[in-house]
Amino acid sequence: DFASFRLELRQEGTPQTFTAFFTGQEPVTNGTLAELDTRQWPNGEYWLRLVVVDGQNNYPERCSILIVFLNG
C-alpha cells in the first residue's frame, strides 16, 4: 500500500533534524531513487535516511546509513 517515499540527510554529530532532499510518488524497483550533489554540503559524515509512507500515512521502520562526503 505504497504512497510515497523521501530521502533525508543529517550531518553526523549534530543535534539537528533530518532535511528532506527528495520526495518520490512512485515505487522504484531495481533503479535509482534519486541523485545527490554532495557539493551542497561541507565534507564530512552524514546520515542518509529513507522514509517510506503507506496509504494510511504510516511510516514503517526507517532505514539509515552513514556516508562520507569528500568533495575535491
N, C-alpha and C. Protein backbone atom coordinates (compact mmCIF):
# COMPACT_ATOMS: atom_id res chain seq x y z
N ASP A 1 0.84 -1.19 0.00
CA ASP A 1 0.00 0.00 0.00
C ASP A 1 0.89 1.25 0.00
N PHE A 2 1.80 1.33 -0.94
CA PHE A 2 2.77 2.43 -1.06
C PHE A 2 2.06 3.75 -1.38
N ALA A 3 2.51 4.82 -0.73
CA ALA A 3 2.01 6.16 -1.05
C ALA A 3 3.14 7.05 -1.56
N SER A 4 4.27 7.07 -0.85
CA SER A 4 5.40 7.92 -1.26
C SER A 4 6.65 7.52 -0.48
N PHE A 5 7.76 8.14 -0.86
CA PHE A 5 8.99 7.98 -0.10
C PHE A 5 9.74 9.29 -0.12
N ARG A 6 10.66 9.45 0.81
CA ARG A 6 11.53 10.61 0.77
C ARG A 6 12.91 10.20 1.27
N LEU A 7 13.91 10.93 0.77
CA LEU A 7 15.29 10.74 1.19
C LEU A 7 15.68 11.95 2.01
N GLU A 8 16.32 11.69 3.15
CA GLU A 8 16.67 12.75 4.09
C GLU A 8 18.15 12.65 4.44
N LEU A 9 18.70 13.77 4.90
CA LEU A 9 20.12 13.84 5.21
C LEU A 9 20.31 14.61 6.51
N ARG A 10 21.27 14.15 7.32
CA ARG A 10 21.64 14.85 8.56
C ARG A 10 23.12 14.66 8.79
N GLN A 11 23.83 15.74 9.12
CA GLN A 11 25.26 15.64 9.39
C GLN A 11 25.48 14.92 10.72
N GLU A 12 26.44 13.99 10.72
CA GLU A 12 26.79 13.23 11.93
C GLU A 12 27.27 14.18 13.01
N GLY A 13 26.86 13.91 14.24
CA GLY A 13 27.33 14.68 15.39
C GLY A 13 26.59 15.98 15.62
N THR A 14 25.55 16.24 14.84
CA THR A 14 24.77 17.47 15.05
C THR A 14 23.40 17.09 15.60
N PRO A 15 22.87 17.93 16.46
CA PRO A 15 21.55 17.63 17.03
C PRO A 15 20.40 18.01 16.11
N GLN A 16 20.72 18.55 14.96
CA GLN A 16 19.65 18.99 14.06
C GLN A 16 18.84 17.82 13.54
N THR A 17 17.67 18.11 13.02
CA THR A 17 16.82 17.07 12.45
C THR A 17 17.24 16.78 11.01
N PHE A 18 16.73 15.71 10.47
CA PHE A 18 16.99 15.36 9.09
C PHE A 18 16.33 16.39 8.16
N THR A 19 16.97 16.62 7.01
CA THR A 19 16.44 17.51 5.99
C THR A 19 16.11 16.69 4.76
N ALA A 20 14.87 16.78 4.29
CA ALA A 20 14.47 16.05 3.09
C ALA A 20 15.07 16.73 1.87
N PHE A 21 15.65 15.92 0.96
CA PHE A 21 16.18 16.48 -0.27
C PHE A 21 15.54 15.89 -1.52
N PHE A 22 14.70 14.86 -1.35
CA PHE A 22 14.00 14.30 -2.48
C PHE A 22 12.74 13.59 -2.00
N THR A 23 11.64 13.74 -2.74
CA THR A 23 10.40 13.03 -2.46
C THR A 23 9.92 12.37 -3.74
N GLY A 24 9.56 11.10 -3.63
CA GLY A 24 9.06 10.36 -4.78
C GLY A 24 7.65 9.87 -4.55
N GLN A 25 6.85 9.86 -5.60
CA GLN A 25 5.45 9.43 -5.51
C GLN A 25 5.21 8.05 -6.14
N GLU A 26 6.24 7.51 -6.81
CA GLU A 26 6.13 6.21 -7.47
C GLU A 26 7.13 5.23 -6.87
N PRO A 27 6.74 3.96 -6.71
CA PRO A 27 7.70 2.97 -6.23
C PRO A 27 8.83 2.78 -7.25
N VAL A 28 10.01 2.43 -6.77
CA VAL A 28 11.17 2.19 -7.63
C VAL A 28 11.61 0.75 -7.41
N THR A 29 11.73 0.00 -8.49
CA THR A 29 12.19 -1.38 -8.43
C THR A 29 13.46 -1.50 -9.26
N ASN A 30 14.55 -1.92 -8.61
CA ASN A 30 15.83 -2.11 -9.31
C ASN A 30 16.27 -0.86 -10.07
N GLY A 31 16.11 0.30 -9.45
CA GLY A 31 16.52 1.54 -10.10
C GLY A 31 17.06 2.52 -9.09
N THR A 32 17.36 3.70 -9.55
CA THR A 32 17.91 4.77 -8.72
C THR A 32 16.76 5.57 -8.11
N LEU A 33 16.81 5.77 -6.81
CA LEU A 33 15.78 6.57 -6.15
C LEU A 33 15.96 8.05 -6.44
N ALA A 34 17.20 8.52 -6.38
CA ALA A 34 17.49 9.95 -6.61
C ALA A 34 19.00 10.12 -6.73
N GLU A 35 19.41 11.28 -7.20
CA GLU A 35 20.82 11.64 -7.23
C GLU A 35 21.02 12.82 -6.30
N LEU A 36 22.19 12.85 -5.66
CA LEU A 36 22.51 13.88 -4.67
C LEU A 36 23.81 14.56 -5.05
N ASP A 37 23.79 15.88 -5.19
CA ASP A 37 25.00 16.65 -5.46
C ASP A 37 25.61 17.01 -4.10
N THR A 38 26.65 16.29 -3.72
CA THR A 38 27.24 16.48 -2.38
C THR A 38 27.94 17.82 -2.21
N ARG A 39 28.19 18.53 -3.32
CA ARG A 39 28.87 19.83 -3.22
C ARG A 39 28.03 20.87 -2.49
N GLN A 40 26.78 20.56 -2.23
CA GLN A 40 25.90 21.48 -1.50
C GLN A 40 26.17 21.45 0.01
N TRP A 41 26.94 20.46 0.45
CA TRP A 41 27.22 20.28 1.87
C TRP A 41 28.72 20.22 2.11
N PRO A 42 29.18 20.61 3.29
CA PRO A 42 30.60 20.50 3.61
C PRO A 42 31.04 19.03 3.69
N ASN A 43 32.33 18.79 3.49
CA ASN A 43 32.86 17.44 3.65
C ASN A 43 32.56 16.93 5.06
N GLY A 44 32.39 15.64 5.17
CA GLY A 44 32.15 15.04 6.48
C GLY A 44 31.25 13.84 6.39
N GLU A 45 30.86 13.33 7.55
CA GLU A 45 29.98 12.17 7.65
C GLU A 45 28.53 12.64 7.75
N TYR A 46 27.66 11.92 7.05
CA TYR A 46 26.24 12.25 7.02
C TYR A 46 25.42 10.98 7.13
N TRP A 47 24.28 11.10 7.77
CA TRP A 47 23.30 10.02 7.79
C TRP A 47 22.34 10.25 6.65
N LEU A 48 22.21 9.23 5.79
CA LEU A 48 21.24 9.23 4.70
C LEU A 48 20.12 8.31 5.11
N ARG A 49 18.88 8.82 5.08
CA ARG A 49 17.75 8.04 5.58
C ARG A 49 16.65 7.95 4.52
N LEU A 50 16.10 6.76 4.37
CA LEU A 50 14.96 6.51 3.50
C LEU A 50 13.71 6.38 4.37
N VAL A 51 12.69 7.18 4.04
CA VAL A 51 11.42 7.13 4.76
C VAL A 51 10.34 6.75 3.75
N VAL A 52 9.62 5.67 4.02
CA VAL A 52 8.53 5.22 3.16
C VAL A 52 7.22 5.47 3.88
N VAL A 53 6.22 5.95 3.14
CA VAL A 53 4.90 6.25 3.70
C VAL A 53 3.89 5.36 3.00
N ASP A 54 3.01 4.71 3.78
CA ASP A 54 1.98 3.88 3.15
C ASP A 54 0.69 4.67 2.96
N GLY A 55 -0.31 4.02 2.38
CA GLY A 55 -1.58 4.66 2.06
C GLY A 55 -2.37 5.15 3.26
N GLN A 56 -2.07 4.64 4.45
CA GLN A 56 -2.75 5.10 5.67
C GLN A 56 -1.90 6.13 6.41
N ASN A 57 -0.89 6.65 5.74
CA ASN A 57 0.01 7.66 6.30
C ASN A 57 0.85 7.12 7.47
N ASN A 58 1.13 5.81 7.43
CA ASN A 58 2.02 5.19 8.41
C ASN A 58 3.43 5.23 7.88
N TYR A 59 4.38 5.25 8.80
CA TYR A 59 5.79 5.26 8.47
C TYR A 59 6.43 3.99 9.02
N PRO A 60 6.58 2.95 8.16
CA PRO A 60 7.29 1.76 8.64
C PRO A 60 8.70 2.14 9.08
N GLU A 61 9.41 1.20 9.66
CA GLU A 61 10.75 1.47 10.17
C GLU A 61 11.62 2.13 9.11
N ARG A 62 12.30 3.19 9.51
CA ARG A 62 13.16 3.94 8.59
C ARG A 62 14.52 3.27 8.48
N CYS A 63 15.13 3.39 7.30
CA CYS A 63 16.45 2.83 7.04
C CYS A 63 17.46 3.96 6.93
N SER A 64 18.58 3.87 7.66
CA SER A 64 19.63 4.89 7.61
C SER A 64 20.98 4.24 7.39
N ILE A 65 21.86 5.00 6.73
CA ILE A 65 23.23 4.55 6.51
C ILE A 65 24.15 5.76 6.64
N LEU A 66 25.31 5.54 7.24
CA LEU A 66 26.30 6.61 7.40
C LEU A 66 27.18 6.65 6.16
N ILE A 67 27.28 7.83 5.52
CA ILE A 67 28.08 8.01 4.32
C ILE A 67 29.06 9.17 4.54
N VAL A 68 30.07 9.26 3.67
CA VAL A 68 31.08 10.31 3.79
C VAL A 68 31.10 11.14 2.52
N PHE A 69 31.07 12.47 2.67
CA PHE A 69 31.22 13.39 1.54
C PHE A 69 32.66 13.86 1.50
N LEU A 70 33.32 13.66 0.37
CA LEU A 70 34.69 14.14 0.16
C LEU A 70 34.71 14.90 -1.16
N ASN A 71 34.30 16.15 -1.10
CA ASN A 71 34.28 16.98 -2.30
C ASN A 71 35.67 17.52 -2.58
N GLY A 72 36.20 17.20 -3.76
CA GLY A 72 37.55 17.60 -4.14
C GLY A 72 37.74 19.04 -4.07
